[in-house]
Protein backbone atom coordinates (compact mmCIF):
# COMPACT_ATOMS: atom_id res chain seq x y z
CA MET A 1 105.72 102.30 70.51
CA THR A 2 108.28 103.19 73.13
CA ALA A 3 109.82 100.76 75.62
CA PRO A 4 109.03 101.13 79.26
CA THR A 5 110.98 103.96 80.83
CA SER A 6 111.21 105.70 84.15
CA ARG A 7 109.97 109.25 84.16
CA THR A 8 112.41 111.98 84.72
CA ASP A 9 110.14 115.06 84.84
CA LYS A 10 110.02 115.52 88.51
CA GLY A 11 107.91 117.78 90.60
CA THR A 12 105.14 118.15 87.98
CA ARG A 13 101.39 117.70 87.94
CA GLY A 14 98.94 117.30 85.02
CA PHE A 15 96.82 114.82 83.22
CA GLU A 16 97.96 111.93 81.01
CA LEU A 17 96.16 109.36 78.94
CA ASP A 18 95.91 106.13 81.11
CA LEU A 19 94.83 103.13 79.15
CA HIS A 20 94.52 99.49 80.39
CA VAL A 21 94.06 96.73 77.91
CA THR A 22 92.99 93.14 78.92
CA PHE A 23 93.46 90.59 76.19
CA THR A 24 91.05 87.78 75.44
CA ARG A 25 93.78 85.32 76.38
CA PRO A 26 97.38 85.67 77.58
CA LEU A 27 99.48 86.54 74.57
CA PRO A 28 103.21 85.92 73.90
CA GLU A 29 105.11 89.14 74.45
CA ALA A 30 105.81 89.76 70.77
CA GLN A 31 102.16 89.36 69.85
CA ALA A 32 100.99 91.57 72.74
CA ARG A 33 103.41 94.35 71.66
CA ALA A 34 102.32 93.89 67.99
CA ALA A 35 98.61 94.32 69.05
CA LEU A 36 99.58 97.57 70.86
CA LEU A 37 101.10 99.09 67.80
CA ALA A 38 97.51 100.28 67.13
CA LEU A 39 98.33 102.90 69.80
CA PRO A 40 101.89 104.35 68.97
CA GLY A 41 103.75 106.88 71.08
CA PHE A 42 102.89 105.69 74.55
CA THR A 43 104.89 104.25 77.38
CA VAL A 44 103.97 100.49 77.53
CA ASP A 45 104.01 98.27 80.66
CA LEU A 46 103.19 94.73 79.97
CA TYR A 47 101.58 92.93 82.91
CA ARG A 48 102.33 89.22 83.46
CA PRO A 49 102.16 86.82 86.32
CA HIS A 50 105.19 86.58 88.51
CA PRO A 51 107.46 83.75 87.33
CA ASN A 52 107.96 82.39 90.86
CA PRO A 53 105.20 83.73 93.18
CA THR A 54 105.76 81.33 96.10
CA GLY A 55 109.49 81.70 96.05
CA GLN A 56 110.09 77.92 95.50
CA THR A 57 111.93 76.25 92.83
CA PRO A 58 110.30 77.23 89.53
CA THR A 59 108.37 74.43 87.79
CA GLN A 60 108.31 76.13 84.45
CA THR A 61 111.00 77.25 82.03
CA PRO A 62 110.72 80.69 80.68
CA GLU A 63 109.43 79.34 77.36
CA GLU A 64 106.56 77.59 79.28
CA ALA A 65 105.62 80.68 81.33
CA PRO A 66 102.17 82.25 80.80
CA GLY A 67 101.97 85.06 78.31
CA VAL A 68 100.89 88.64 78.91
CA PRO A 69 97.24 88.86 80.09
CA SER A 70 97.13 92.80 80.07
CA ALA A 71 98.98 95.94 79.47
CA ARG A 72 99.10 99.64 80.51
CA LEU A 73 99.85 102.51 78.19
CA THR A 74 100.43 106.03 79.42
CA GLY A 75 101.46 109.32 77.93
CA PRO A 76 100.25 112.62 76.68
CA LEU A 77 97.10 112.71 74.59
CA THR A 78 98.04 114.35 71.26
CA ASP A 79 95.43 113.07 68.76
CA PRO A 80 92.14 111.89 70.22
CA ASP A 81 90.84 110.60 66.85
CA ALA A 82 94.00 108.42 66.44
CA VAL A 83 93.44 106.99 69.95
CA ARG A 84 89.83 106.21 69.13
CA ALA A 85 90.96 104.43 65.90
CA GLY A 86 93.48 102.49 67.92
CA LEU A 87 90.88 101.49 70.48
CA ALA A 88 88.63 100.30 67.67
CA ALA A 89 91.50 98.24 66.22
CA LEU A 90 92.32 96.64 69.58
CA LEU A 91 88.63 95.87 70.38
CA GLY A 92 88.25 94.36 66.94
CA GLY A 93 91.15 91.97 67.59
CA ASP A 94 92.85 90.76 70.74
CA ALA A 95 91.34 92.94 73.48
CA ARG A 96 88.60 91.68 75.72
CA TYR A 97 87.99 95.08 77.23
CA VAL A 98 89.77 98.50 77.52
CA GLU A 99 89.71 101.13 80.20
CA VAL A 100 90.81 104.65 78.94
CA GLY A 101 90.81 108.20 80.26
CA LEU A 102 92.78 111.23 81.18
CA ARG A 103 94.02 110.74 84.62
CA GLY A 104 95.43 113.31 86.92
CA PHE A 105 98.92 112.66 88.41
CA LEU A 106 101.35 114.38 90.73
CA ARG A 107 104.92 113.56 90.35
CA SER A 108 107.15 114.31 93.36
CA ALA A 109 110.73 115.89 93.32
CA GLN A 110 111.86 112.32 93.91
CA GLY A 111 110.24 110.93 90.84
CA GLN A 112 107.33 108.98 92.48
CA THR A 113 104.07 109.28 90.57
CA GLU A 114 100.86 109.48 92.42
CA TRP A 115 97.77 108.83 90.34
CA MET A 116 94.56 110.51 91.34
CA PRO A 117 91.38 108.54 91.61
CA TRP A 118 88.86 108.60 88.79
CA ARG A 119 85.87 110.88 89.49
CA ARG A 120 83.35 108.83 87.33
CA ASN A 121 83.19 105.61 85.26
CA VAL A 122 81.38 105.38 82.07
CA VAL A 123 80.68 101.87 80.68
CA LEU A 124 80.11 101.61 77.01
CA PRO A 125 79.62 98.72 74.48
CA ARG A 126 82.82 97.89 72.65
CA ALA A 127 81.32 99.26 69.37
CA ASP A 128 80.78 102.81 70.84
CA VAL A 129 84.42 103.97 70.66
CA ALA A 130 83.17 107.16 69.02
CA ARG A 131 81.45 108.13 72.24
CA VAL A 132 84.75 108.25 74.23
CA THR A 133 85.49 111.84 75.18
CA PHE A 134 88.80 112.55 76.82
CA GLU A 135 87.57 114.55 79.84
CA GLU A 136 89.79 114.90 82.90
CA SER A 137 89.24 112.22 85.58
CA ILE A 138 86.62 110.21 83.66
CA ARG A 139 87.34 106.64 82.78
CA PHE A 140 85.60 104.96 80.00
CA VAL A 141 85.26 101.14 80.09
CA LEU A 142 84.70 99.58 76.64
CA GLU A 143 83.59 95.95 76.90
């Protein structure tokens, strides 16, 4: 699994795997990263609550801060069967639900990425990972 990085391929367009994982409960960062090892080779962004959303003096130390409730993985789709196996592993473990699909993007010359909207959503039971097809602009929700 790669660490979060900013993209440098500017002025391009295409499709990338866009995958959102929501955990059954907020996980400590190390445990969230370990769970995501089922899907290696993608850029990982861990989502967590802002440590000080109101701008007042924090009431929690970093050790008391809530864990990671969800994550986003992006990158090129190289092996659909490996991704399906990773999805099955996540859904059999710490994931409450997963959203996955090939999403269109346009990256400007300045490096800003604009993600295209999904054309269609397909909701499947969590056990139907085999039915996930990686068609452009179609998002599969496994819950």
